[in-house]
Amino acid sequence: MSETSQMLLGVNIDHVATLRQQRGTRYPEVAQAALVAEHHGADAITIHLREA
């Protein structure tokens, strides 16, 4: 990987989905968490899909 294409910050937002599942609510919003991470400079965002 060249210096200019190196990933600087990757954010895993799985814990946001875990909170939703444990609370049995529709919040916090997973998409909103991704947007916040992107807004604050995340170069990559990861989430693992779950079956309902």
C-alpha atoms as a PDB file:
ATOM      1  CA  MET A   1       0.000   0.000   0.000  1.00  0.00           C
ATOM      2  CA  SER A   2       1.374   3.349  -0.904  1.00  0.00           C
ATOM      3  CA  GLU A   3       1.537   6.164   1.615  1.00  0.00           C
ATOM      4  CA  THR A   4      -1.281   8.071  -0.102  1.00  0.00           C
ATOM      5  CA  SER A   5      -3.700   5.117  -0.205  1.00  0.00           C
ATOM      6  CA  GLN A   6      -3.074   3.878   3.334  1.00  0.00           C
ATOM      7  CA  MET A   7      -6.185   3.541   5.481  1.00  0.00           C
ATOM      8  CA  LEU A   8      -5.888   5.872   8.469  1.00  0.00           C
ATOM      9  CA  LEU A   9      -9.028   5.191  10.491  1.00  0.00           C
ATOM     10  CA  GLY A  10     -11.426   2.266  10.339  1.00  0.00           C
ATOM     11  CA  VAL A  11     -14.529   2.246  12.546  1.00  0.00           C
ATOM     12  CA  ASN A  12     -16.488  -0.894  13.453  1.00  0.00           C
ATOM     13  CA  ILE A  13     -20.049   0.024  14.384  1.00  0.00           C
ATOM     14  CA  ASP A  14     -21.174  -3.488  15.411  1.00  0.00           C
ATOM     15  CA  HIS A  15     -21.588  -2.344  19.008  1.00  0.00           C
ATOM     16  CA  VAL A  16     -24.270   0.120  17.909  1.00  0.00           C
ATOM     17  CA  ALA A  17     -26.287  -2.800  16.542  1.00  0.00           C
ATOM     18  CA  THR A  18     -25.598  -4.778  19.724  1.00  0.00           C
ATOM     19  CA  LEU A  19     -27.039  -1.952  21.843  1.00  0.00           C
ATOM     20  CA  ARG A  20     -30.180  -1.892  19.691  1.00  0.00           C
ATOM     21  CA  GLN A  21     -30.591  -5.631  20.000  1.00  0.00           C
ATOM     22  CA  GLN A  22     -30.037  -5.723  23.765  1.00  0.00           C
ATOM     23  CA  ARG A  23     -32.370  -2.783  24.406  1.00  0.00           C
ATOM     24  CA  GLY A  24     -35.035  -4.028  22.017  1.00  0.00           C
ATOM     25  CA  THR A  25     -35.287  -0.545  20.502  1.00  0.00           C
ATOM     26  CA  ARG A  26     -34.741   1.110  17.135  1.00  0.00           C
ATOM     27  CA  TYR A  27     -32.040   3.384  18.523  1.00  0.00           C
ATOM     28  CA  PRO A  28     -29.204   4.172  18.373  1.00  0.00           C
ATOM     29  CA  GLU A  29     -29.438   4.431  14.597  1.00  0.00           C
ATOM     30  CA  VAL A  30     -26.751   2.380  12.860  1.00  0.00           C
ATOM     31  CA  ALA A  31     -26.838   4.601   9.759  1.00  0.00           C
ATOM     32  CA  GLN A  32     -26.460   7.712  11.914  1.00  0.00           C
ATOM     33  CA  ALA A  33     -23.432   6.164  13.639  1.00  0.00           C
ATOM     34  CA  ALA A  34     -21.873   5.543  10.220  1.00  0.00           C
ATOM     35  CA  LEU A  35     -22.531   9.135   9.157  1.00  0.00           C
ATOM     36  CA  VAL A  36     -20.990  10.489  12.364  1.00  0.00           C
ATOM     37  CA  ALA A  37     -17.902   8.313  11.853  1.00  0.00           C
ATOM     38  CA  GLU A  38     -17.596   9.484   8.247  1.00  0.00           C
ATOM     39  CA  HIS A  39     -18.087  13.130   9.231  1.00  0.00           C
ATOM     40  CA  HIS A  40     -15.257  12.816  11.747  1.00  0.00           C
ATOM     41  CA  GLY A  41     -12.812  11.366   9.238  1.00  0.00           C
ATOM     42  CA  ALA A  42     -13.324   7.604   9.139  1.00  0.00           C
ATOM     43  CA  ASP A  43     -11.712   6.102   6.059  1.00  0.00           C
ATOM     44  CA  ALA A  44     -13.579   2.797   6.431  1.00  0.00           C
ATOM     45  CA  ILE A  45     -16.722   1.723   8.264  1.00  0.00           C
ATOM     46  CA  THR A  46     -17.451  -1.924   9.062  1.00  0.00           C
ATOM     47  CA  ILE A  47     -20.625  -3.605  10.257  1.00  0.00           C
ATOM     48  CA  HIS A  48     -21.585  -7.272  10.166  1.00  0.00           C
ATOM     49  CA  LEU A  49     -25.145  -7.986   9.057  1.00  0.00           C
ATOM     50  CA  ARG A  50     -27.400  -9.963  11.376  1.00  0.00           C
ATOM     51  CA  GLU A  51     -30.549 -11.914  10.744  1.00  0.00           C
ATOM     52  CA  ALA A  52     -33.625 -10.634  12.517  1.00  0.00           C
END
